[in-house]
Amino acid sequence: MKVKCPQCEEIAELGDDFSYVRCSHCSLDMTYGEYVKFIAYKDAKYSDILGDYANDNEGITSGTLDEW
């Protein structure tokens, strides 16, 4: 699957099992979890996606970026 590289903004590859994100243009190589955090830190409008990683978020806020 193709995604936008958070470093160079070229096309990066997302593993079929969501285990990695790799960019051949800038040599980015990270796990999908690291990719999500990187995107959230880079652009505040995406910070709410970190809540998707909470086990049970009913009645609980997703927290701040620093807590992740």
PDB file of N, CA and C in Angstrom:
ATOM      1  N   MET A   1       0.848  -1.156   0.000  1.00  0.00           N
ATOM      2  CA  MET A   1       0.000   0.000   0.000  1.00  0.00           C
ATOM      3  C   MET A   1       0.908   1.238   0.000  1.00  0.00           C
ATOM      4  N   LYS A   2       0.452   2.294  -0.596  1.00  0.00           N
ATOM      5  CA  LYS A   2       1.229   3.531  -0.687  1.00  0.00           C
ATOM      6  C   LYS A   2       0.683   4.569   0.291  1.00  0.00           C
ATOM      7  N   VAL A   3       1.595   5.256   0.971  1.00  0.00           N
ATOM      8  CA  VAL A   3       1.255   6.344   1.884  1.00  0.00           C
ATOM      9  C   VAL A   3       2.214   7.503   1.632  1.00  0.00           C
ATOM     10  N   LYS A   4       1.894   8.646   2.163  1.00  0.00           N
ATOM     11  CA  LYS A   4       2.754   9.818   2.021  1.00  0.00           C
ATOM     12  C   LYS A   4       3.853   9.773   3.082  1.00  0.00           C
ATOM     13  N   CYS A   5       5.078   9.937   2.648  1.00  0.00           N
ATOM     14  CA  CYS A   5       6.205   9.942   3.579  1.00  0.00           C
ATOM     15  C   CYS A   5       6.143  11.204   4.438  1.00  0.00           C
ATOM     16  N   PRO A   6       6.238  11.071   5.747  1.00  0.00           N
ATOM     17  CA  PRO A   6       6.160  12.251   6.614  1.00  0.00           C
ATOM     18  C   PRO A   6       7.427  13.104   6.592  1.00  0.00           C
ATOM     19  N   GLN A   7       8.519  12.550   6.084  1.00  0.00           N
ATOM     20  CA  GLN A   7       9.763  13.306   6.048  1.00  0.00           C
ATOM     21  C   GLN A   7       9.929  14.079   4.745  1.00  0.00           C
ATOM     22  N   CYS A   8       9.857  13.379   3.624  1.00  0.00           N
ATOM     23  CA  CYS A   8      10.130  14.036   2.345  1.00  0.00           C
ATOM     24  C   CYS A   8       8.867  14.271   1.516  1.00  0.00           C
ATOM     25  N   GLU A   9       7.741  13.724   1.966  1.00  0.00           N
ATOM     26  CA  GLU A   9       6.433  13.883   1.335  1.00  0.00           C
ATOM     27  C   GLU A   9       6.315  13.196  -0.030  1.00  0.00           C
ATOM     28  N   GLU A  10       7.247  12.299  -0.327  1.00  0.00           N
ATOM     29  CA  GLU A  10       7.144  11.455  -1.519  1.00  0.00           C
ATOM     30  C   GLU A  10       6.276  10.248  -1.162  1.00  0.00           C
ATOM     31  N   ILE A  11       6.152   9.312  -2.072  1.00  0.00           N
ATOM     32  CA  ILE A  11       5.356   8.114  -1.819  1.00  0.00           C
ATOM     33  C   ILE A  11       6.202   7.085  -1.077  1.00  0.00           C
ATOM     34  N   ALA A  12       5.659   6.593   0.033  1.00  0.00           N
ATOM     35  CA  ALA A  12       6.309   5.565   0.837  1.00  0.00           C
ATOM     36  C   ALA A  12       5.472   4.294   0.775  1.00  0.00           C
ATOM     37  N   GLU A  13       6.068   3.191   1.186  1.00  0.00           N
ATOM     38  CA  GLU A  13       5.381   1.901   1.153  1.00  0.00           C
ATOM     39  C   GLU A  13       4.962   1.498   2.562  1.00  0.00           C
ATOM     40  N   LEU A  14       3.691   1.155   2.708  1.00  0.00           N
ATOM     41  CA  LEU A  14       3.150   0.626   3.960  1.00  0.00           C
ATOM     42  C   LEU A  14       3.003  -0.871   3.786  1.00  0.00           C
ATOM     43  N   GLY A  15       3.584  -1.647   4.691  1.00  0.00           N
ATOM     44  CA  GLY A  15       3.504  -3.097   4.608  1.00  0.00           C
ATOM     45  C   GLY A  15       2.060  -3.585   4.633  1.00  0.00           C
ATOM     46  N   ASP A  16       1.793  -4.670   3.915  1.00  0.00           N
ATOM     47  CA  ASP A  16       0.439  -5.224   3.854  1.00  0.00           C
ATOM     48  C   ASP A  16      -0.113  -5.567   5.228  1.00  0.00           C
ATOM     49  N   ASP A  17       0.780  -5.907   6.155  1.00  0.00           N
ATOM     50  CA  ASP A  17       0.352  -6.262   7.508  1.00  0.00           C
ATOM     51  C   ASP A  17       0.478  -5.074   8.474  1.00  0.00           C
ATOM     52  N   PHE A  18       0.683  -3.870   7.927  1.00  0.00           N
ATOM     53  CA  PHE A  18       0.819  -2.644   8.716  1.00  0.00           C
ATOM     54  C   PHE A  18       1.982  -2.733   9.713  1.00  0.00           C
ATOM     55  N   SER A  19       3.031  -3.461   9.374  1.00  0.00           N
ATOM     56  CA  SER A  19       4.152  -3.607  10.298  1.00  0.00           C
ATOM     57  C   SER A  19       5.260  -2.592  10.062  1.00  0.00           C
ATOM     58  N   TYR A  20       5.306  -1.971   8.892  1.00  0.00           N
ATOM     59  CA  TYR A  20       6.378  -1.022   8.606  1.00  0.00           C
ATOM     60  C   TYR A  20       5.938   0.036   7.598  1.00  0.00           C
ATOM     61  N   VAL A  21       6.683   1.132   7.580  1.00  0.00           N
ATOM     62  CA  VAL A  21       6.558   2.172   6.553  1.00  0.00           C
ATOM     63  C   VAL A  21       7.978   2.455   6.087  1.00  0.00           C
ATOM     64  N   ARG A  22       8.195   2.365   4.777  1.00  0.00           N
ATOM     65  CA  ARG A  22       9.524   2.584   4.208  1.00  0.00           C
ATOM     66  C   ARG A  22       9.439   3.528   3.020  1.00  0.00           C
ATOM     67  N   CYS A  23      10.402   4.433   2.962  1.00  0.00           N
ATOM     68  CA  CYS A  23      10.485   5.378   1.848  1.00  0.00           C
ATOM     69  C   CYS A  23      11.844   5.205   1.176  1.00  0.00           C
ATOM     70  N   SER A  24      11.843   4.910  -0.101  1.00  0.00           N
ATOM     71  CA  SER A  24      13.095   4.722  -0.829  1.00  0.00           C
ATOM     72  C   SER A  24      13.750   6.057  -1.186  1.00  0.00           C
ATOM     73  N   HIS A  25      13.009   7.138  -1.112  1.00  0.00           N
ATOM     74  CA  HIS A  25      13.542   8.455  -1.466  1.00  0.00           C
ATOM     75  C   HIS A  25      14.433   9.026  -0.368  1.00  0.00           C
ATOM     76  N   CYS A  26      14.024   8.873   0.890  1.00  0.00           N
ATOM     77  CA  CYS A  26      14.793   9.466   1.993  1.00  0.00           C
ATOM     78  C   CYS A  26      15.274   8.418   3.003  1.00  0.00           C
ATOM     79  N   SER A  27      15.083   7.139   2.692  1.00  0.00           N
ATOM     80  CA  SER A  27      15.531   6.021   3.533  1.00  0.00           C
ATOM     81  C   SER A  27      14.793   5.937   4.872  1.00  0.00           C
ATOM     82  N   LEU A  28      13.591   6.478   4.944  1.00  0.00           N
ATOM     83  CA  LEU A  28      12.764   6.343   6.139  1.00  0.00           C
ATOM     84  C   LEU A  28      12.409   4.871   6.320  1.00  0.00           C
ATOM     85  N   ASP A  29      12.514   4.370   7.528  1.00  0.00           N
ATOM     86  CA  ASP A  29      12.154   2.989   7.834  1.00  0.00           C
ATOM     87  C   ASP A  29      11.695   2.957   9.293  1.00  0.00           C
ATOM     88  N   MET A  30      10.388   2.785   9.504  1.00  0.00           N
ATOM     89  CA  MET A  30       9.850   2.780  10.861  1.00  0.00           C
ATOM     90  C   MET A  30       8.636   1.869  10.934  1.00  0.00           C
ATOM     91  N   THR A  31       8.230   1.548  12.150  1.00  0.00           N
ATOM     92  CA  THR A  31       7.023   0.757  12.332  1.00  0.00           C
ATOM     93  C   THR A  31       5.814   1.635  12.054  1.00  0.00           C
ATOM     94  N   TYR A  32       4.667   1.008  11.847  1.00  0.00           N
ATOM     95  CA  TYR A  32       3.452   1.786  11.589  1.00  0.00           C
ATOM     96  C   TYR A  32       3.073   2.627  12.813  1.00  0.00           C
ATOM     97  N   GLY A  33       3.268   2.084  14.010  1.00  0.00           N
ATOM     98  CA  GLY A  33       2.981   2.834  15.230  1.00  0.00           C
ATOM     99  C   GLY A  33       3.835   4.091  15.328  1.00  0.00           C
ATOM    100  N   GLU A  34       5.123   3.963  14.994  1.00  0.00           N
ATOM    101  CA  GLU A  34       6.009   5.126  14.990  1.00  0.00           C
ATOM    102  C   GLU A  34       5.566   6.134  13.928  1.00  0.00           C
ATOM    103  N   TYR A  35       5.126   5.631  12.788  1.00  0.00           N
ATOM    104  CA  TYR A  35       4.639   6.482  11.697  1.00  0.00           C
ATOM    105  C   TYR A  35       3.438   7.311  12.145  1.00  0.00           C
ATOM    106  N   VAL A  36       2.494   6.668  12.815  1.00  0.00           N
ATOM    107  CA  VAL A  36       1.301   7.367  13.302  1.00  0.00           C
ATOM    108  C   VAL A  36       1.695   8.466  14.288  1.00  0.00           C
ATOM    109  N   LYS A  37       2.597   8.155  15.209  1.00  0.00           N
ATOM    110  CA  LYS A  37       3.051   9.155  16.176  1.00  0.00           C
ATOM    111  C   LYS A  37       3.779  10.294  15.482  1.00  0.00           C
ATOM    112  N   PHE A  38       4.613   9.964  14.509  1.00  0.00           N
ATOM    113  CA  PHE A  38       5.361  10.983  13.765  1.00  0.00           C
ATOM    114  C   PHE A  38       4.410  11.935  13.066  1.00  0.00           C
ATOM    115  N   ILE A  39       3.394  11.386  12.399  1.00  0.00           N
ATOM    116  CA  ILE A  39       2.401  12.200  11.699  1.00  0.00           C
ATOM    117  C   ILE A  39       1.655  13.085  12.699  1.00  0.00           C
ATOM    118  N   ALA A  40       1.287  12.526  13.841  1.00  0.00           N
ATOM    119  CA  ALA A  40       0.532  13.287  14.841  1.00  0.00           C
ATOM    120  C   ALA A  40       1.362  14.440  15.404  1.00  0.00           C
ATOM    121  N   TYR A  41       2.642  14.217  15.634  1.00  0.00           N
ATOM    122  CA  TYR A  41       3.499  15.290  16.130  1.00  0.00           C
ATOM    123  C   TYR A  41       3.728  16.353  15.064  1.00  0.00           C
ATOM    124  N   LYS A  42       3.841  15.924  13.833  1.00  0.00           N
ATOM    125  CA  LYS A  42       4.138  16.855  12.742  1.00  0.00           C
ATOM    126  C   LYS A  42       2.958  17.773  12.435  1.00  0.00           C
ATOM    127  N   ASP A  43       1.744  17.249  12.527  1.00  0.00           N
ATOM    128  CA  ASP A  43       0.563  18.028  12.170  1.00  0.00           C
ATOM    129  C   ASP A  43      -0.512  17.803  13.223  1.00  0.00           C
ATOM    130  N   ALA A  44      -0.827  18.829  13.975  1.00  0.00           N
ATOM    131  CA  ALA A  44      -1.758  18.730  15.103  1.00  0.00           C
ATOM    132  C   ALA A  44      -3.145  18.249  14.692  1.00  0.00           C
ATOM    133  N   LYS A  45      -3.559  18.464  13.441  1.00  0.00           N
ATOM    134  CA  LYS A  45      -4.895  18.023  13.043  1.00  0.00           C
ATOM    135  C   LYS A  45      -5.027  16.501  13.029  1.00  0.00           C
ATOM    136  N   TYR A  46      -3.897  15.789  13.061  1.00  0.00           N
ATOM    137  CA  TYR A  46      -3.936  14.335  13.094  1.00  0.00           C
ATOM    138  C   TYR A  46      -3.750  13.757  14.485  1.00  0.00           C
ATOM    139  N   SER A  47      -3.571  14.595  15.491  1.00  0.00           N
ATOM    140  CA  SER A  47      -3.260  14.101  16.829  1.00  0.00           C
ATOM    141  C   SER A  47      -4.372  13.242  17.425  1.00  0.00           C
ATOM    142  N   ASP A  48      -5.612  13.407  16.975  1.00  0.00           N
ATOM    143  CA  ASP A  48      -6.706  12.606  17.518  1.00  0.00           C
ATOM    144  C   ASP A  48      -6.608  11.142  17.116  1.00  0.00           C
ATOM    145  N   ILE A  49      -5.825  10.794  16.104  1.00  0.00           N
ATOM    146  CA  ILE A  49      -5.700   9.385  15.704  1.00  0.00           C
ATOM    147  C   ILE A  49      -4.949   8.574  16.744  1.00  0.00           C
ATOM    148  N   LEU A  50      -4.195   9.236  17.629  1.00  0.00           N
ATOM    149  CA  LEU A  50      -3.503   8.501  18.681  1.00  0.00           C
ATOM    150  C   LEU A  50      -4.490   7.811  19.608  1.00  0.00           C
ATOM    151  N   GLY A  51      -5.688   8.330  19.713  1.00  0.00           N
ATOM    152  CA  GLY A  51      -6.716   7.707  20.536  1.00  0.00           C
ATOM    153  C   GLY A  51      -7.104   6.327  20.046  1.00  0.00           C
ATOM    154  N   ASP A  52      -6.858   6.027  18.780  1.00  0.00           N
ATOM    155  CA  ASP A  52      -7.153   4.708  18.236  1.00  0.00           C
ATOM    156  C   ASP A  52      -6.294   3.621  18.856  1.00  0.00           C
ATOM    157  N   TYR A  53      -5.172   4.011  19.459  1.00  0.00           N
ATOM    158  CA  TYR A  53      -4.278   3.032  20.065  1.00  0.00           C
ATOM    159  C   TYR A  53      -4.599   2.755  21.527  1.00  0.00           C
ATOM    160  N   ALA A  54      -5.554   3.472  22.098  1.00  0.00           N
ATOM    161  CA  ALA A  54      -5.954   3.235  23.481  1.00  0.00           C
ATOM    162  C   ALA A  54      -6.777   1.944  23.544  1.00  0.00           C
ATOM    163  N   ASN A  55      -6.541   1.127  24.563  1.00  0.00           N
ATOM    164  CA  ASN A  55      -7.267  -0.142  24.707  1.00  0.00           C
ATOM    165  C   ASN A  55      -8.753   0.087  24.910  1.00  0.00           C
ATOM    166  N   ASP A  56      -9.088   0.927  25.852  1.00  0.00           N
ATOM    167  CA  ASP A  56     -10.484   1.227  26.137  1.00  0.00           C
ATOM    168  C   ASP A  56     -10.586   2.723  26.346  1.00  0.00           C
ATOM    169  N   ASN A  57     -11.159   3.410  25.388  1.00  0.00           N
ATOM    170  CA  ASN A  57     -11.187   4.853  25.487  1.00  0.00           C
ATOM    171  C   ASN A  57     -12.561   5.392  25.857  1.00  0.00           C
ATOM    172  N   GLU A  58     -13.449   4.535  26.313  1.00  0.00           N
ATOM    173  CA  GLU A  58     -14.765   5.001  26.716  1.00  0.00           C
ATOM    174  C   GLU A  58     -14.652   5.766  28.019  1.00  0.00           C
ATOM    175  N   GLY A  59     -15.007   7.038  27.976  1.00  0.00           N
ATOM    176  CA  GLY A  59     -14.937   7.878  29.166  1.00  0.00           C
ATOM    177  C   GLY A  59     -13.551   8.378  29.491  1.00  0.00           C
ATOM    178  N   ILE A  60     -12.587   8.100  28.614  1.00  0.00           N
ATOM    179  CA  ILE A  60     -11.206   8.498  28.850  1.00  0.00           C
ATOM    180  C   ILE A  60     -10.735   9.330  27.668  1.00  0.00           C
ATOM    181  N   THR A  61     -10.039  10.407  27.950  1.00  0.00           N
ATOM    182  CA  THR A  61      -9.484  11.192  26.849  1.00  0.00           C
ATOM    183  C   THR A  61      -8.243  10.500  26.313  1.00  0.00           C
ATOM    184  N   SER A  62      -7.869  10.831  25.108  1.00  0.00           N
ATOM    185  CA  SER A  62      -6.707  10.187  24.495  1.00  0.00           C
ATOM    186  C   SER A  62      -5.395  10.707  25.044  1.00  0.00           C
ATOM    187  N   GLY A  63      -5.423  11.765  25.826  1.00  0.00           N
ATOM    188  CA  GLY A  63      -4.211  12.277  26.436  1.00  0.00           C
ATOM    189  C   GLY A  63      -3.499  13.256  25.532  1.00  0.00           C
ATOM    190  N   THR A  64      -2.374  13.717  26.009  1.00  0.00           N
ATOM    191  CA  THR A  64      -1.588  14.651  25.225  1.00  0.00           C
ATOM    192  C   THR A  64      -0.578  13.891  24.378  1.00  0.00           C
ATOM    193  N   LEU A  65       0.007  14.581  23.428  1.00  0.00           N
ATOM    194  CA  LEU A  65       1.029  13.933  22.589  1.00  0.00           C
ATOM    195  C   LEU A  65       2.222  13.494  23.416  1.00  0.00           C
ATOM    196  N   ASP A  66       2.580  14.253  24.438  1.00  0.00           N
ATOM    197  CA  ASP A  66       3.726  13.901  25.263  1.00  0.00           C
ATOM    198  C   ASP A  66       3.503  12.607  26.052  1.00  0.00           C
ATOM    199  N   GLU A  67       2.262  12.285  26.376  1.00  0.00           N
ATOM    200  CA  GLU A  67       1.967  11.053  27.102  1.00  0.00           C
ATOM    201  C   GLU A  67       2.165   9.831  26.234  1.00  0.00           C
ATOM    202  N   TRP A  68       2.074  10.007  24.909  1.00  0.00           N
ATOM    203  CA  TRP A  68       2.246   8.870  23.998  1.00  0.00           C
ATOM    204  C   TRP A  68       3.708   8.637  23.786  1.00  0.00           C
TER     205      TRP A  68
END
